[in-house]
N, C-alpha and C. Protein backbone atom coordinates (compact mmCIF):
# COMPACT_ATOMS: atom_id res chain seq x y z
N MET A 1 97.99 88.06 68.54
CA MET A 1 99.38 88.47 68.22
C MET A 1 100.15 88.07 69.51
N HIS A 2 101.33 87.73 69.30
CA HIS A 2 102.30 87.49 70.43
C HIS A 2 102.79 88.98 70.85
N GLY A 3 103.14 89.19 72.10
CA GLY A 3 103.63 90.51 72.57
C GLY A 3 104.05 90.23 73.98
N LEU A 4 104.72 91.28 74.39
CA LEU A 4 105.26 91.28 75.73
C LEU A 4 104.68 92.49 76.43
N ALA A 5 104.05 92.20 77.67
CA ALA A 5 103.44 93.22 78.55
C ALA A 5 104.66 93.77 79.29
N VAL A 6 105.01 95.07 79.14
CA VAL A 6 106.13 95.68 79.70
C VAL A 6 105.90 96.66 80.89
N ALA A 7 104.70 97.18 80.81
CA ALA A 7 104.34 98.27 81.86
C ALA A 7 102.83 98.03 82.01
N VAL A 8 102.34 98.78 83.13
CA VAL A 8 101.10 98.63 83.69
C VAL A 8 100.59 100.28 83.96
N THR A 9 99.39 100.53 83.68
CA THR A 9 98.72 101.71 83.81
C THR A 9 97.56 101.62 84.74
N SER A 10 97.28 102.55 85.62
CA SER A 10 96.28 102.63 86.45
C SER A 10 95.40 103.88 86.31
N ILE A 11 94.25 103.86 85.85
CA ILE A 11 93.46 105.12 85.89
C ILE A 11 92.15 104.90 86.61
N PRO A 12 91.89 105.78 87.43
CA PRO A 12 90.65 105.55 88.31
C PRO A 12 89.24 105.32 87.39
N ASP A 13 88.59 104.33 87.85
CA ASP A 13 87.36 104.02 87.27
C ASP A 13 87.40 103.18 86.03
N ARG A 14 88.67 102.61 85.78
CA ARG A 14 88.94 101.83 84.65
C ARG A 14 89.69 100.57 85.14
N CYS A 15 89.63 99.58 84.27
CA CYS A 15 90.54 98.34 84.74
C CYS A 15 91.92 98.60 84.36
N LEU A 16 92.78 97.93 84.91
CA LEU A 16 94.36 98.02 84.57
C LEU A 16 94.59 97.87 83.21
N SER A 17 95.46 98.68 82.73
CA SER A 17 95.81 98.41 81.20
C SER A 17 97.35 98.35 81.15
N PHE A 18 97.91 97.74 79.99
CA PHE A 18 99.33 97.45 79.95
C PHE A 18 99.88 97.93 78.51
N GLN A 19 101.03 98.33 78.69
CA GLN A 19 101.84 98.79 77.56
C GLN A 19 102.39 97.38 76.96
N VAL A 20 102.16 97.10 75.69
CA VAL A 20 102.62 95.91 75.05
C VAL A 20 103.51 96.17 74.05
N ILE A 21 104.48 95.45 73.79
CA ILE A 21 105.34 95.47 72.66
C ILE A 21 105.19 94.17 71.80
N PHE A 22 104.87 94.22 70.61
CA PHE A 22 104.53 92.94 69.80
C PHE A 22 105.66 92.45 69.21
N THR A 23 105.78 91.19 69.25
CA THR A 23 107.07 90.49 68.71
C THR A 23 106.91 89.97 67.21
N GLY A 24 105.67 89.67 66.92
CA GLY A 24 105.41 89.06 65.57
C GLY A 24 105.92 87.53 65.67
N CYS A 25 106.30 86.90 66.60
CA CYS A 25 106.79 85.67 66.59
C CYS A 25 105.95 84.49 66.36
N GLU A 26 104.50 84.84 66.33
CA GLU A 26 103.69 83.68 65.97
C GLU A 26 103.63 83.40 64.51
N ASP A 27 104.23 84.20 63.81
CA ASP A 27 104.39 83.86 62.23
C ASP A 27 105.70 83.45 61.87
N GLU A 28 106.33 82.51 62.39
CA GLU A 28 107.68 82.24 62.25
C GLU A 28 108.17 82.17 60.73
N GLU A 29 107.10 81.60 59.89
CA GLU A 29 107.48 81.23 58.44
C GLU A 29 107.73 82.55 57.75
N ASN A 30 107.06 83.58 58.17
CA ASN A 30 107.40 85.03 57.52
C ASN A 30 107.96 85.95 58.34
N ARG A 31 108.93 85.63 59.17
CA ARG A 31 109.57 86.40 60.18
C ARG A 31 110.38 87.52 59.57
N LEU A 32 110.78 87.39 58.26
CA LEU A 32 111.62 88.52 57.84
C LEU A 32 110.58 89.67 57.14
N GLU A 33 109.21 89.25 57.01
CA GLU A 33 108.30 90.20 56.60
C GLU A 33 107.46 90.53 57.67
N ASN A 34 107.93 90.60 58.88
CA ASN A 34 107.14 90.62 60.29
C ASN A 34 106.62 92.17 60.42
N PRO A 35 105.29 92.44 60.18
CA PRO A 35 104.86 93.84 60.21
C PRO A 35 104.70 94.22 61.75
N HIS A 36 104.60 93.20 62.69
CA HIS A 36 104.25 93.50 64.03
C HIS A 36 105.45 93.66 65.11
N GLY A 37 106.70 93.26 64.56
CA GLY A 37 107.82 93.17 65.53
C GLY A 37 108.32 94.49 65.92
N GLY A 38 108.26 94.73 67.26
CA GLY A 38 108.70 96.04 67.80
C GLY A 38 107.62 97.10 67.84
N ALA A 39 106.40 96.91 67.34
CA ALA A 39 105.33 97.73 67.47
C ALA A 39 104.85 97.86 68.86
N MET A 40 104.37 98.93 69.30
CA MET A 40 103.86 99.09 70.64
C MET A 40 102.51 99.56 70.74
N TRP A 41 101.76 99.10 71.61
CA TRP A 41 100.31 99.47 71.91
C TRP A 41 100.09 99.77 73.48
N ALA A 42 99.78 101.09 73.69
CA ALA A 42 99.64 101.45 75.21
C ALA A 42 98.13 101.31 75.73
N ARG A 43 98.00 100.90 76.75
CA ARG A 43 96.62 100.77 77.40
C ARG A 43 95.86 99.70 76.80
N ILE A 44 96.44 98.66 76.67
CA ILE A 44 95.79 97.37 76.45
C ILE A 44 94.99 96.91 77.58
N PRO A 45 93.77 96.79 77.57
CA PRO A 45 93.04 96.34 78.82
C PRO A 45 93.40 94.87 79.23
N ILE A 46 93.32 94.75 80.56
CA ILE A 46 93.73 93.34 81.13
C ILE A 46 92.94 92.21 80.41
N THR A 47 91.77 92.51 79.98
CA THR A 47 91.04 91.51 79.29
C THR A 47 91.36 90.95 77.98
N ALA A 48 92.25 91.75 77.47
CA ALA A 48 92.92 91.42 76.15
C ALA A 48 94.16 90.61 76.19
N LEU A 49 94.58 90.44 77.44
CA LEU A 49 95.93 89.72 77.68
C LEU A 49 95.51 88.21 77.77
N VAL A 50 96.28 87.28 77.35
CA VAL A 50 96.47 85.75 77.54
C VAL A 50 97.83 85.39 77.75
N ALA A 51 98.03 84.43 78.77
CA ALA A 51 99.27 83.93 79.13
C ALA A 51 100.27 83.39 77.93
N ASP A 52 101.42 83.66 78.14
CA ASP A 52 102.43 83.09 76.94
C ASP A 52 102.70 81.71 77.28
N GLU A 53 101.71 80.85 77.37
CA GLU A 53 101.83 79.38 77.44
C GLU A 53 101.19 78.59 76.28
N PRO A 54 101.72 77.42 75.99
CA PRO A 54 100.86 76.58 75.12
C PRO A 54 99.44 76.39 75.56
N LEU A 55 98.50 76.58 74.77
CA LEU A 55 97.12 76.41 74.98
C LEU A 55 96.53 75.59 73.85
N ASP A 56 95.46 74.63 74.41
CA ASP A 56 94.87 73.83 73.20
C ASP A 56 93.95 74.76 72.61
N GLU A 57 93.23 75.74 73.29
CA GLU A 57 92.46 76.83 72.52
C GLU A 57 92.48 78.01 73.32
N MET A 58 92.13 79.10 72.64
CA MET A 58 92.16 80.36 73.53
C MET A 58 90.92 80.38 74.33
N PRO A 59 91.10 80.99 75.54
CA PRO A 59 90.02 81.04 76.55
C PRO A 59 89.03 82.08 75.89
N PRO A 60 87.57 81.83 76.25
CA PRO A 60 86.67 82.77 75.81
C PRO A 60 86.97 84.08 76.55
N PRO A 61 86.43 85.15 75.74
CA PRO A 61 86.51 86.55 76.40
C PRO A 61 85.98 86.56 77.90
N LEU A 62 86.74 86.94 78.79
CA LEU A 62 86.43 87.20 80.16
C LEU A 62 85.78 88.60 80.36
N PRO A 63 84.53 88.76 80.77
CA PRO A 63 84.13 90.01 81.03
C PRO A 63 84.81 90.79 82.01
N THR A 64 85.07 92.17 81.77
CA THR A 64 85.93 92.88 82.80
C THR A 64 85.48 92.71 84.24
N HIS A 65 84.35 92.80 84.54
CA HIS A 65 83.83 92.67 85.92
C HIS A 65 84.32 91.54 86.63
N PHE A 66 84.43 90.33 85.90
CA PHE A 66 85.02 89.16 86.37
C PHE A 66 86.62 89.08 86.33
N ALA A 67 87.27 89.73 85.31
CA ALA A 67 88.75 89.67 85.29
C ALA A 67 89.20 90.57 86.26
N GLN A 68 88.56 91.72 86.70
CA GLN A 68 89.02 92.69 87.64
C GLN A 68 87.86 93.16 88.44
N PRO A 69 87.30 92.50 89.39
CA PRO A 69 86.08 93.03 90.16
C PRO A 69 86.06 94.51 90.52
N TRP A 70 87.09 95.03 90.83
CA TRP A 70 87.12 96.43 91.21
C TRP A 70 88.07 97.19 90.25
N ASP A 71 87.41 98.41 89.81
CA ASP A 71 88.25 99.22 88.98
C ASP A 71 89.30 99.91 89.71
N CYS A 72 90.40 100.44 89.16
CA CYS A 72 91.49 101.21 89.80
C CYS A 72 91.02 102.22 90.60
N SER A 73 91.58 102.43 91.73
CA SER A 73 91.06 103.47 92.74
C SER A 73 92.02 104.76 92.61
N SER A 74 93.16 104.62 91.91
CA SER A 74 94.09 105.77 91.89
C SER A 74 95.04 105.65 90.68
N ARG A 75 95.60 106.88 90.28
CA ARG A 75 96.71 106.79 89.37
C ARG A 75 98.12 106.49 89.98
N ASN A 76 97.96 106.60 91.22
CA ASN A 76 99.29 106.39 92.11
C ASN A 76 99.25 104.92 92.51
N PHE A 77 100.33 104.20 92.30
CA PHE A 77 100.25 102.73 92.55
C PHE A 77 101.88 102.26 92.74
N GLU A 78 101.88 101.16 93.37
CA GLU A 78 103.11 100.43 93.40
C GLU A 78 102.97 99.06 92.93
N VAL A 79 103.94 98.50 92.19
CA VAL A 79 103.75 97.07 91.82
C VAL A 79 104.93 96.41 92.63
N MET A 80 104.53 95.29 93.24
CA MET A 80 105.44 94.48 94.04
C MET A 80 105.08 92.98 93.84
N ALA A 81 106.15 92.27 94.09
CA ALA A 81 105.92 90.88 94.18
C ALA A 81 106.04 90.36 95.68
N LEU A 82 104.91 89.63 96.02
CA LEU A 82 104.79 89.21 97.41
C LEU A 82 105.67 87.94 97.57
N ASP A 83 106.64 88.03 98.56
CA ASP A 83 107.49 86.98 98.91
C ASP A 83 106.52 85.69 99.31
N ARG A 84 107.16 84.51 99.02
CA ARG A 84 106.42 83.26 99.68
C ARG A 84 105.14 82.98 98.95
N THR A 85 104.80 83.75 97.89
CA THR A 85 103.45 83.34 97.48
C THR A 85 103.49 82.88 95.83
N SER A 86 104.57 82.92 95.27
CA SER A 86 104.59 82.76 93.82
C SER A 86 104.89 81.21 93.54
N SER A 87 105.35 80.50 94.45
CA SER A 87 105.77 79.10 94.04
C SER A 87 104.53 78.12 93.96
N SER A 88 103.55 78.44 94.76
CA SER A 88 102.39 77.52 94.86
C SER A 88 101.26 78.14 94.11
N PRO A 89 100.30 77.27 93.68
CA PRO A 89 99.07 77.90 93.09
C PRO A 89 98.27 78.87 93.98
N TRP A 90 97.55 79.56 93.45
CA TRP A 90 96.48 80.46 94.26
C TRP A 90 95.15 79.77 93.78
N LEU A 91 94.27 79.96 94.81
CA LEU A 91 92.77 79.63 94.48
C LEU A 91 92.22 80.96 94.06
N CYS A 92 91.46 81.09 92.90
CA CYS A 92 90.91 82.24 92.51
C CYS A 92 89.55 82.04 92.19
N LYS A 93 88.73 83.22 92.90
CA LYS A 93 87.17 82.92 92.44
C LYS A 93 86.72 83.86 91.44
N VAL A 94 86.22 83.31 90.30
CA VAL A 94 85.99 84.17 89.19
C VAL A 94 84.56 83.72 88.76
N ASP A 95 83.66 84.60 88.71
CA ASP A 95 82.23 84.41 88.28
C ASP A 95 81.61 83.15 89.15
N GLY A 96 81.98 83.36 90.32
CA GLY A 96 81.46 82.21 91.33
C GLY A 96 81.89 80.86 91.36
N GLU A 97 83.10 80.68 90.47
CA GLU A 97 83.70 79.41 90.33
C GLU A 97 85.17 79.64 90.81
N PHE A 98 85.67 78.43 91.31
CA PHE A 98 87.08 78.41 91.76
C PHE A 98 88.02 77.89 90.58
N TYR A 99 89.14 78.73 90.47
CA TYR A 99 90.16 78.12 89.45
C TYR A 99 91.46 78.22 90.20
N THR A 100 92.49 77.59 89.82
CA THR A 100 93.90 77.69 90.15
C THR A 100 94.47 78.91 89.36
N GLY A 101 95.54 79.50 89.95
CA GLY A 101 96.09 80.57 89.33
C GLY A 101 97.56 80.73 89.64
N LYS A 102 98.38 81.23 88.64
CA LYS A 102 99.72 81.36 88.84
C LYS A 102 100.09 82.97 89.11
N TYR A 103 100.64 83.16 90.19
CA TYR A 103 100.78 84.57 90.89
C TYR A 103 101.99 85.20 89.88
N TYR A 104 101.66 86.61 89.39
CA TYR A 104 102.73 87.30 88.83
C TYR A 104 103.20 88.40 89.82
N MET A 105 102.33 89.37 90.16
CA MET A 105 102.48 90.46 90.91
C MET A 105 101.31 91.14 91.53
N THR A 106 101.52 92.12 92.30
CA THR A 106 100.48 92.81 93.04
C THR A 106 100.46 94.40 92.72
N VAL A 107 99.47 94.94 92.31
CA VAL A 107 99.33 96.36 92.19
C VAL A 107 98.66 96.88 93.49
N ASP A 108 99.30 97.78 94.05
CA ASP A 108 98.82 98.41 95.35
C ASP A 108 98.46 99.82 95.23
N TYR A 109 97.25 100.35 95.30
CA TYR A 109 96.93 101.73 95.06
C TYR A 109 97.08 102.53 96.32
N THR A 110 97.36 103.94 96.13
CA THR A 110 97.41 105.00 97.02
C THR A 110 97.21 106.32 96.45
N GLY A 111 97.01 107.23 97.31
CA GLY A 111 96.95 108.64 97.09
C GLY A 111 95.68 109.24 96.68
N THR A 112 94.56 108.42 96.89
CA THR A 112 93.18 109.12 96.73
C THR A 112 92.43 108.80 97.96
N GLU A 113 91.43 109.50 98.08
CA GLU A 113 90.53 109.08 99.35
C GLU A 113 90.00 107.72 99.48
N ILE A 114 89.73 107.08 98.27
CA ILE A 114 89.26 105.83 98.37
C ILE A 114 90.43 104.72 98.51
N ALA A 115 91.40 104.99 97.86
CA ALA A 115 92.63 104.06 98.06
C ALA A 115 93.16 104.11 99.29
N ASP A 116 93.12 105.18 99.95
CA ASP A 116 93.77 105.36 101.24
C ASP A 116 92.79 105.11 102.57
N ASP A 117 91.53 104.87 102.18
CA ASP A 117 90.61 104.51 103.25
C ASP A 117 90.62 103.07 103.60
N PRO A 118 90.87 102.69 104.95
CA PRO A 118 91.11 101.29 105.23
C PRO A 118 89.93 100.46 104.88
N ALA A 119 88.71 101.09 104.80
CA ALA A 119 87.46 100.27 104.77
C ALA A 119 87.20 100.00 103.14
N GLN A 120 88.03 100.78 102.35
CA GLN A 120 87.75 100.63 100.73
C GLN A 120 88.98 100.22 100.19
N HIS A 121 90.15 100.15 100.72
CA HIS A 121 91.57 99.85 100.16
C HIS A 121 91.32 98.53 99.35
N LYS A 122 91.90 98.43 98.19
CA LYS A 122 91.91 97.09 97.46
C LYS A 122 93.37 96.99 96.88
N GLN A 123 93.83 95.87 96.77
CA GLN A 123 94.96 95.54 95.91
C GLN A 123 94.43 94.69 94.69
N SER A 124 95.22 94.68 93.61
CA SER A 124 94.90 93.76 92.50
C SER A 124 96.12 92.97 92.40
N HIS A 125 95.77 91.55 92.56
CA HIS A 125 96.89 90.51 92.37
C HIS A 125 96.77 90.11 90.93
N ILE A 126 97.86 90.18 90.24
CA ILE A 126 97.89 89.76 88.91
C ILE A 126 98.16 88.41 88.70
N LEU A 127 97.20 87.55 88.10
CA LEU A 127 97.43 86.18 88.06
C LEU A 127 97.00 85.55 86.74
N GLU A 128 97.71 84.53 86.38
CA GLU A 128 97.13 83.80 85.17
C GLU A 128 96.45 82.53 85.55
N LEU A 129 95.09 82.44 85.16
CA LEU A 129 94.27 81.21 85.39
C LEU A 129 94.82 79.98 84.74
N THR A 130 95.12 78.97 85.48
CA THR A 130 95.81 77.74 85.03
C THR A 130 94.93 76.60 84.86
N ASN A 131 93.72 76.66 84.97
CA ASN A 131 92.67 75.53 84.69
C ASN A 131 91.26 76.13 84.39
N GLY A 132 90.48 75.09 83.92
CA GLY A 132 89.07 75.49 83.44
C GLY A 132 88.97 76.28 82.27
N LYS A 133 87.75 76.55 82.09
CA LYS A 133 87.44 77.25 80.76
C LYS A 133 88.19 78.64 80.30
N PHE A 134 88.54 79.24 81.48
CA PHE A 134 89.21 80.52 81.30
C PHE A 134 90.92 80.39 81.30
N LYS A 135 91.36 79.04 81.24
CA LYS A 135 92.65 78.76 81.30
C LYS A 135 93.56 79.78 80.34
N GLY A 136 94.57 80.24 80.84
CA GLY A 136 95.38 81.34 80.11
C GLY A 136 94.94 82.75 80.27
N ALA A 137 93.77 83.03 80.72
CA ALA A 137 93.34 84.46 80.84
C ALA A 137 94.12 84.98 81.97
N ILE A 138 94.34 86.28 81.98
CA ILE A 138 95.03 87.20 82.99
C ILE A 138 93.97 87.79 83.83
N VAL A 139 94.04 87.79 85.13
CA VAL A 139 93.03 88.54 85.98
C VAL A 139 93.70 89.31 86.84
N ALA A 140 92.81 90.30 87.55
CA ALA A 140 93.51 91.16 88.69
C ALA A 140 92.63 91.13 89.77
N LEU A 141 92.80 90.18 90.78
CA LEU A 141 91.93 89.95 91.87
C LEU A 141 92.11 90.47 93.20
N PRO A 142 91.09 90.95 94.08
CA PRO A 142 91.44 91.52 95.39
C PRO A 142 91.65 90.36 96.34
N ASN A 143 91.95 90.68 97.49
CA ASN A 143 92.24 89.67 98.64
C ASN A 143 91.03 88.84 98.83
N ASN A 144 89.80 89.28 98.72
CA ASN A 144 88.65 88.60 98.91
C ASN A 144 88.16 87.62 97.92
N ARG A 145 89.03 87.46 96.87
CA ARG A 145 88.71 86.68 95.75
C ARG A 145 89.82 85.69 95.49
N VAL A 146 90.80 85.67 96.51
CA VAL A 146 91.87 84.61 96.12
C VAL A 146 92.25 84.01 97.65
N ARG A 147 93.03 82.92 97.54
CA ARG A 147 93.50 82.31 98.58
C ARG A 147 95.01 81.62 98.30
N VAL A 148 95.98 82.06 98.97
CA VAL A 148 97.35 81.52 98.62
C VAL A 148 97.56 80.19 99.21
N THR A 149 98.02 79.36 98.50
CA THR A 149 98.47 77.97 98.95
C THR A 149 99.95 77.92 99.07
N SER A 150 100.41 77.10 100.08
CA SER A 150 101.66 76.81 100.39
C SER A 150 101.92 75.75 101.33
N PRO A 151 101.78 74.24 100.88
CA PRO A 151 101.80 73.15 101.67
C PRO A 151 102.82 73.18 102.74
N ALA A 152 104.10 73.56 102.38
CA ALA A 152 105.18 73.65 103.19
C ALA A 152 104.93 74.54 104.41
N MET A 153 104.37 75.69 104.13
CA MET A 153 104.13 76.69 105.17
C MET A 153 102.79 76.74 106.00
N TRP A 154 101.73 76.32 105.50
CA TRP A 154 100.37 76.27 106.12
C TRP A 154 99.51 75.50 105.47
N VAL A 155 98.47 74.95 106.33
CA VAL A 155 97.34 74.26 105.79
C VAL A 155 96.32 75.36 105.16
N THR A 156 96.14 75.19 103.85
CA THR A 156 95.06 76.15 103.21
C THR A 156 93.77 76.10 103.86
N GLY A 157 93.31 77.07 104.25
CA GLY A 157 91.91 77.20 104.86
C GLY A 157 90.82 76.98 103.92
N LYS A 158 89.53 76.68 104.41
CA LYS A 158 88.36 76.39 103.78
C LYS A 158 87.26 77.33 104.18
N GLY A 159 86.46 77.86 103.37
CA GLY A 159 85.19 78.61 103.83
C GLY A 159 85.88 80.11 104.09
N ALA A 160 84.81 80.85 104.39
CA ALA A 160 85.20 82.47 104.69
C ALA A 160 86.08 82.61 105.90
N PRO A 161 86.99 83.52 105.96
CA PRO A 161 87.85 83.70 107.20
C PRO A 161 86.81 84.51 108.12
N ASP A 162 87.11 84.37 109.44
CA ASP A 162 86.27 84.82 110.45
C ASP A 162 86.66 86.25 110.88
N PHE A 163 87.20 87.11 110.00
CA PHE A 163 87.46 88.32 110.34
C PHE A 163 86.97 89.28 109.07
N ILE A 164 87.01 90.62 109.45
CA ILE A 164 86.57 91.55 108.45
C ILE A 164 87.76 92.60 108.40
N PRO A 165 88.03 93.29 107.22
CA PRO A 165 89.10 94.20 107.12
C PRO A 165 88.97 95.24 108.22
N SER A 166 90.15 95.72 108.69
CA SER A 166 90.17 96.80 109.47
C SER A 166 89.52 98.13 108.98
N GLN A 167 88.73 98.73 109.92
CA GLN A 167 88.02 99.99 109.40
C GLN A 167 88.86 101.19 109.98
N TRP A 168 89.92 101.02 110.72
CA TRP A 168 90.67 102.06 111.42
C TRP A 168 91.98 102.32 110.74
N LEU A 169 92.35 103.68 111.05
CA LEU A 169 93.70 104.19 110.74
C LEU A 169 94.58 103.90 111.77
N HIS A 170 95.61 103.59 111.66
CA HIS A 170 96.53 103.19 112.80
C HIS A 170 97.84 104.28 112.59
N SER A 171 98.18 105.01 113.58
CA SER A 171 99.10 106.09 113.44
C SER A 171 99.68 106.38 114.87
N ALA A 172 100.95 106.42 115.00
CA ALA A 172 101.72 106.54 116.24
C ALA A 172 101.63 108.08 116.67
N GLU A 173 101.69 108.94 115.82
CA GLU A 173 101.91 110.27 116.06
C GLU A 173 100.60 111.00 116.42
N LYS A 174 99.55 110.53 116.30
CA LYS A 174 98.21 111.15 116.76
C LYS A 174 97.96 110.89 118.26
N HIS A 175 98.78 110.16 118.84
CA HIS A 175 98.65 109.94 120.25
C HIS A 175 98.93 111.15 121.17
N ASP A 176 98.35 111.37 122.28
CA ASP A 176 98.44 112.66 122.94
C ASP A 176 99.92 112.74 123.61
N SER A 177 100.60 111.60 123.72
CA SER A 177 101.91 111.67 124.24
C SER A 177 102.91 112.44 123.48
N TYR A 178 102.47 112.64 122.17
CA TYR A 178 103.30 113.36 121.15
C TYR A 178 103.36 114.92 121.40
N MET A 179 102.56 115.32 122.60
CA MET A 179 102.53 116.73 122.82
C MET A 179 103.73 117.14 123.87
N ASP A 180 104.26 116.00 124.38
CA ASP A 180 105.36 115.98 125.53
C ASP A 180 106.45 115.62 124.70
N TRP A 181 107.43 116.69 124.65
CA TRP A 181 108.73 116.27 123.72
C TRP A 181 109.53 115.33 124.46
N GLU A 182 109.55 115.34 125.87
CA GLU A 182 110.29 114.46 126.61
C GLU A 182 109.98 112.91 126.32
N THR A 183 108.70 112.75 126.12
CA THR A 183 108.06 111.35 125.97
C THR A 183 108.51 111.00 124.43
N THR A 184 108.29 112.04 123.63
CA THR A 184 108.37 111.85 122.01
C THR A 184 109.76 111.57 121.82
N PHE A 185 110.80 112.16 122.52
CA PHE A 185 112.26 111.85 122.41
C PHE A 185 113.08 110.96 123.31
N ASP A 186 112.15 110.04 123.90
CA ASP A 186 112.73 109.16 124.89
C ASP A 186 113.36 108.07 124.14
N ASN A 187 114.56 108.34 123.62
CA ASN A 187 115.30 107.39 122.99
C ASN A 187 116.43 106.62 123.74
N LEU A 188 117.10 105.78 123.08
CA LEU A 188 118.12 104.80 123.92
C LEU A 188 119.00 105.61 124.52
N TYR A 189 119.34 106.71 124.40
CA TYR A 189 120.36 107.52 125.00
C TYR A 189 119.86 108.70 125.84
N ASN A 190 118.53 108.64 126.32
CA ASN A 190 118.00 109.64 127.02
C ASN A 190 118.48 109.79 128.29
N ASN A 191 118.72 108.56 129.06
CA ASN A 191 119.08 108.61 130.33
C ASN A 191 120.48 109.07 130.47
N GLU A 192 121.27 108.75 129.48
CA GLU A 192 122.81 109.26 129.52
C GLU A 192 122.88 110.72 129.58
N ASN A 193 121.88 111.50 128.69
CA ASN A 193 121.94 112.74 128.64
C ASN A 193 121.63 113.47 129.80
N THR A 194 120.77 112.96 130.61
CA THR A 194 120.15 113.57 131.86
C THR A 194 121.15 113.31 133.04
N GLU A 195 122.03 112.41 132.94
CA GLU A 195 122.95 112.13 134.04
C GLU A 195 124.17 112.95 133.97
N LYS A 196 124.52 113.52 132.90
CA LYS A 196 125.78 114.44 132.67
C LYS A 196 125.55 115.71 133.46
């Protein structure tokens, strides 16, 4: 059935799910007797979504652990679109194979011990697979399963990057200098105030 995904839900230890409004436009011949138009369904799993694109055939069902390798880590999240990433294809690793993908948005989790731990933090990049046997499937992949291409901006790397994610928290206010108010409030006008 044709529908529009209009909202996303994140529940810990589950895959992303979506609020869908059905249009019924797949049955144009009986559009006046459309039983689905305007009906809504909450929390449809990402594995039930297929791109709104002409497809020769529907993709086979994509197991959840391939469509979204990591479950949601929090109910608290932000949806954002990463600039300079949506115009070119992404490389997506799904079930050990590489596919190209069309970027839609990113879900970034926060507010739990796992989501806010630098060693465990994951984002879910929402993409439409655009080639191969899963063409049309919607996936939510973390950083280590994707690579962004942009021929005008950089040469796309090959192989594993030679870095690991940061294991450290970075914070200015835990520094010992914050015990000294003069250092803490050493702003642009500090010298003007002492000269008066």
